[in-house]
Structures are given as C-alpha cells and as structure tokens.
Amino acid sequence: MGAGAAAGGGGALQAIAAFNSAMQEKEMHKFNARFQKGGRENAKRRGRLDKQRVSLGERQLTSRQRVGFADQGVALDSGSALTVQQDTARMAELDRIEIENNTANEVWGFDVQIAESNFKAKQARKKAYNSLILGAASAASAYGTPGAGAQIGGGGGSIPMFTKAIPSVGSSPWGLDNTAWWKKTAS
C-alpha cells in the first residue's frame, strides 16, 4: 500500500472519529434539552403549588380575622373588618401575581436553554456529517486525482473511484461548447 493509500486511510479514520465525536456531542445536547424540559415542567408545577399555598393561607387568615372580629362583636361586612378582609385578599392576589411572574420568568429561562441545546444539537449533527464529507474528499484526493483511474482498495478486486476525467471549463461531457453564448454576446 502506497503513501497516498495510507494517508487516505488515516483521513478516513479521522473523519469517522470526528463523526462519532460530533454525534456524541449531539446526543449530549439532546439530553440537556430533555433535562431542561423537565426543569421547565417542575417550575410550572412549583408555581401552581405556590399559588395554591397562597390561596390556602389567604383563606385561613381571613377565617381567623373573621373569628376574631366576631368574638369582639364587630360586624364582618362593613367598616374596618371589611377593609382588613379586602386588604388580605388584595395582598394574596399580589402574591399570586408575583408567583405567576416568577414562574413565567423561570419557564422562559428554561425555554431559552432548551432552544440553545436544540440548536447546538443540530449544529453538532451538521458538524458530524460535514466531517464525513470532508474525510471522504480527503481520502479520495489521497488515492489519486480525477481522471487518473484511481482505485479504492489498491489491489485486485478494487473498486474504480474515478474513471473519467472531469471536463474542463467551457465544455461538457457531451461535447457541447458551454461558452458559445458568451462568445456571441462578447463580439
């Protein structure tokens, strides 16, 4: 086996190694995206639970307030007693809104991370296939030049890789002159 064949084989092995590495990188990014989706769902769940806790706390506090006012003989549906209950409801609503905003921000952060991981996975996939293409081109050039009848395998039973010369600029494989239109317009 000649030096060109050895170089071509080495280039092919490097291409395969680069392909495998890039595919592992793609799988890592896909795993990260799945993990981040779990984080996003967990954030949503925690937001719902926090809102439920605030609502429960509001109901419990309002009940204690009402019992305290009733024990003192204060009318519950007017005056200070009503104002205190309304303030409690407003504060609870503000807490729920803050929880919704915090949850939305956390979910948005996960969505950005998921999009980034998916983008990186696609880029790694492209890198993987580009490494194969470049490796094949490198191996092909190491085995011979176009038109030289280079062979893959180097011995008996090898597969012909290039059997025809690449046509020069201005001609076609069918013997047509591709520059004829230009010659007519240039003169």
Protein backbone atom coordinates (compact mmCIF):
# COMPACT_ATOMS: atom_id res chain seq x y z
CA MET A 1 0.00 0.00 0.00
CA GLY A 2 1.47 3.35 -1.04
CA ALA A 3 1.84 6.55 0.95
CA GLY A 4 -1.31 8.00 -0.66
CA ALA A 5 -3.35 4.99 0.39
CA ALA A 6 -2.05 5.21 3.94
CA ALA A 7 -2.86 8.91 4.09
CA GLY A 8 -6.32 8.26 2.68
CA GLY A 9 -6.98 5.53 5.24
CA GLY A 10 -5.80 7.78 8.05
CA GLY A 11 -8.02 10.60 6.80
CA ALA A 12 -10.98 8.24 6.69
CA LEU A 13 -10.32 7.10 10.26
CA GLN A 14 -10.04 10.71 11.41
CA ALA A 15 -13.33 11.51 9.67
CA ILE A 16 -15.05 8.59 11.38
CA ALA A 17 -13.63 9.63 14.77
CA ALA A 18 -14.77 13.24 14.19
CA PHE A 19 -18.21 11.97 13.11
CA ASN A 20 -18.56 9.83 16.26
CA SER A 21 -17.39 12.67 18.48
CA ALA A 22 -19.85 15.12 16.91
CA MET A 23 -22.71 12.61 17.20
CA GLN A 24 -21.91 12.14 20.89
CA GLU A 25 -21.96 15.91 21.27
CA LYS A 26 -25.36 16.00 19.56
CA GLU A 27 -26.73 13.35 21.92
CA MET A 28 -25.38 15.28 24.91
CA HIS A 29 -27.18 18.43 23.76
CA LYS A 30 -30.40 16.46 23.15
CA PHE A 31 -30.11 15.00 26.67
CA ASN A 32 -29.60 18.52 28.07
CA ALA A 33 -32.74 19.69 26.25
CA ARG A 34 -34.75 16.80 27.73
CA PHE A 35 -33.36 17.56 31.20
CA GLN A 36 -34.20 21.26 30.79
CA LYS A 37 -37.75 20.38 29.70
CA GLY A 38 -38.09 18.53 32.99
CA GLY A 39 -36.86 21.64 34.80
CA ARG A 40 -39.41 23.75 32.94
CA GLU A 41 -42.25 21.42 33.92
CA ASN A 42 -41.01 21.36 37.52
CA ALA A 43 -41.01 25.19 37.60
CA LYS A 44 -44.60 25.24 36.33
CA ARG A 45 -45.64 22.67 38.95
CA ARG A 46 -43.94 24.61 41.76
CA GLY A 47 -45.65 27.81 40.57
CA ARG A 48 -49.07 26.14 40.72
CA LEU A 49 -48.35 24.75 44.18
CA ASP A 50 -47.11 28.11 45.46
CA LYS A 51 -50.27 29.81 44.21
CA GLN A 52 -52.38 27.16 45.94
CA ARG A 53 -50.44 27.70 49.19
CA VAL A 54 -51.05 31.46 48.99
CA SER A 55 -54.77 30.88 48.38
CA LEU A 56 -54.94 28.46 51.30
CA GLY A 57 -53.07 30.90 53.54
CA GLU A 58 -55.43 33.69 52.46
CA ARG A 59 -58.49 31.63 53.35
CA GLN A 60 -57.01 30.63 56.71
CA LEU A 61 -56.02 34.22 57.58
CA THR A 62 -59.42 35.57 56.51
CA SER A 63 -61.14 32.94 58.66
CA ARG A 64 -59.03 33.86 61.71
CA GLN A 65 -59.75 37.54 61.09
CA ARG A 66 -63.49 36.89 60.84
CA VAL A 67 -63.49 34.80 64.02
CA GLY A 68 -61.53 37.50 65.87
CA PHE A 69 -63.91 40.24 64.71
CA ALA A 70 -66.97 38.12 65.52
CA ASP A 71 -65.65 37.38 69.03
CA GLN A 72 -65.43 41.14 69.61
CA GLY A 73 -68.92 41.69 68.23
CA VAL A 74 -67.72 43.65 65.15
CA ALA A 75 -69.87 43.50 62.01
CA LEU A 76 -67.95 41.50 59.38
CA ASP A 77 -69.44 43.07 56.25
CA SER A 78 -68.73 46.75 56.92
CA GLY A 79 -66.19 49.18 58.31
CA SER A 80 -62.73 48.17 59.48
CA ALA A 81 -63.47 44.44 59.47
CA LEU A 82 -64.41 44.55 55.78
CA THR A 83 -61.36 46.71 54.95
CA VAL A 84 -59.00 44.27 56.67
CA GLN A 85 -60.51 41.31 54.78
CA GLN A 86 -60.27 43.19 51.47
CA ASP A 87 -56.64 44.11 52.18
CA THR A 88 -55.89 40.45 52.92
CA ALA A 89 -57.48 39.44 49.59
CA ARG A 90 -55.51 42.15 47.70
CA MET A 91 -52.21 41.11 49.29
CA ALA A 92 -52.88 37.46 48.45
CA GLU A 93 -53.70 38.43 44.85
CA LEU A 94 -50.43 40.39 44.61
CA ASP A 95 -48.58 37.37 45.93
CA ARG A 96 -50.23 35.14 43.31
CA ILE A 97 -49.32 37.62 40.54
CA GLU A 98 -45.72 37.73 41.75
CA ILE A 99 -45.60 33.92 41.77
CA GLU A 100 -47.00 33.83 38.21
CA ASN A 101 -44.37 36.33 37.03
CA ASN A 102 -41.53 34.49 38.74
CA THR A 103 -42.75 31.19 37.31
CA ALA A 104 -43.07 32.70 33.83
CA ASN A 105 -39.52 34.08 34.05
CA GLU A 106 -38.14 30.74 35.20
CA VAL A 107 -40.02 28.88 32.44
CA TRP A 108 -38.76 31.41 29.87
CA GLY A 109 -35.18 30.78 31.09
CA PHE A 110 -35.66 27.05 30.57
CA ASP A 111 -37.19 27.67 27.13
CA VAL A 112 -34.11 29.67 26.12
CA GLN A 113 -31.83 26.89 27.37
CA ILE A 114 -33.90 24.27 25.53
CA ALA A 115 -33.73 26.26 22.29
CA GLU A 116 -29.97 26.67 22.71
CA SER A 117 -29.47 22.96 23.38
CA ASN A 118 -31.60 22.01 20.37
CA PHE A 119 -29.65 24.46 18.19
CA LYS A 120 -26.33 23.04 19.43
CA ALA A 121 -27.59 19.50 18.75
CA LYS A 122 -28.44 20.46 15.16
CA GLN A 123 -25.06 22.14 14.73
CA ALA A 124 -23.28 19.05 16.10
CA ARG A 125 -25.21 16.87 13.66
CA LYS A 126 -24.16 19.10 10.77
CA LYS A 127 -20.58 19.00 12.02
CA ALA A 128 -20.74 15.20 12.12
CA TYR A 129 -21.88 14.85 8.53
CA ASN A 130 -19.51 17.56 7.32
CA SER A 131 -16.62 15.65 8.86
CA LEU A 132 -17.63 12.58 6.86
CA ILE A 133 -17.88 14.56 3.64
CA LEU A 134 -14.54 16.26 4.19
CA GLY A 135 -12.95 12.98 5.22
CA ALA A 136 -14.23 11.28 2.10
CA ALA A 137 -12.90 14.10 -0.05
CA SER A 138 -9.55 13.93 1.73
CA ALA A 139 -9.37 10.17 1.29
CA ALA A 140 -10.32 10.47 -2.36
CA SER A 141 -7.60 13.03 -3.04
CA ALA A 142 -5.03 10.84 -1.26
CA TYR A 143 -5.87 7.89 -3.52
CA GLY A 144 -5.50 9.76 -6.76
CA THR A 145 -6.58 12.64 -8.88
CA PRO A 146 -9.65 12.76 -11.08
CA GLY A 147 -9.03 11.14 -14.43
CA ALA A 148 -6.10 9.10 -13.22
CA GLY A 149 -8.17 5.96 -12.78
CA ALA A 150 -7.54 5.84 -9.04
CA GLN A 151 -8.71 2.73 -7.26
CA ILE A 152 -10.13 2.24 -3.76
CA GLY A 153 -8.62 -0.85 -2.22
CA GLY A 154 -5.32 -0.75 -4.07
CA GLY A 155 -5.25 -4.38 -5.20
CA GLY A 156 -7.16 -6.99 -7.12
CA GLY A 157 -10.92 -6.60 -6.84
CA SER A 158 -10.67 -2.93 -6.06
CA ILE A 159 -13.45 -0.52 -6.88
CA PRO A 160 -12.72 2.12 -9.52
CA MET A 161 -13.21 5.53 -7.97
CA PHE A 162 -12.55 7.96 -10.82
CA THR A 163 -12.85 6.55 -14.30
CA LYS A 164 -13.34 9.69 -16.40
CA ALA A 165 -11.59 13.00 -16.43
CA ILE A 166 -13.58 15.96 -15.17
CA PRO A 167 -14.44 18.10 -18.21
CA SER A 168 -12.63 21.41 -18.46
CA VAL A 169 -14.43 24.71 -18.08
CA GLY A 170 -16.30 25.61 -21.24
CA SER A 171 -17.02 22.08 -22.40
CA SER A 172 -19.48 19.44 -21.40
CA PRO A 173 -19.25 15.65 -21.23
CA TRP A 174 -21.43 15.54 -24.33
CA GLY A 175 -19.02 17.60 -26.43
CA LEU A 176 -21.03 20.82 -26.29
CA ASP A 177 -19.31 24.18 -26.00
CA ASN A 178 -20.83 25.89 -22.94
CA THR A 179 -19.19 29.22 -23.76
CA ALA A 180 -20.76 29.62 -27.20
CA TRP A 181 -23.43 32.02 -25.89
CA TRP A 182 -20.76 34.19 -24.28
CA LYS A 183 -18.69 34.35 -27.48
CA LYS A 184 -21.74 35.60 -29.38
CA THR A 185 -22.55 38.36 -26.88
CA ALA A 186 -18.92 39.46 -26.40
CA SER A 187 -18.22 40.12 -30.10
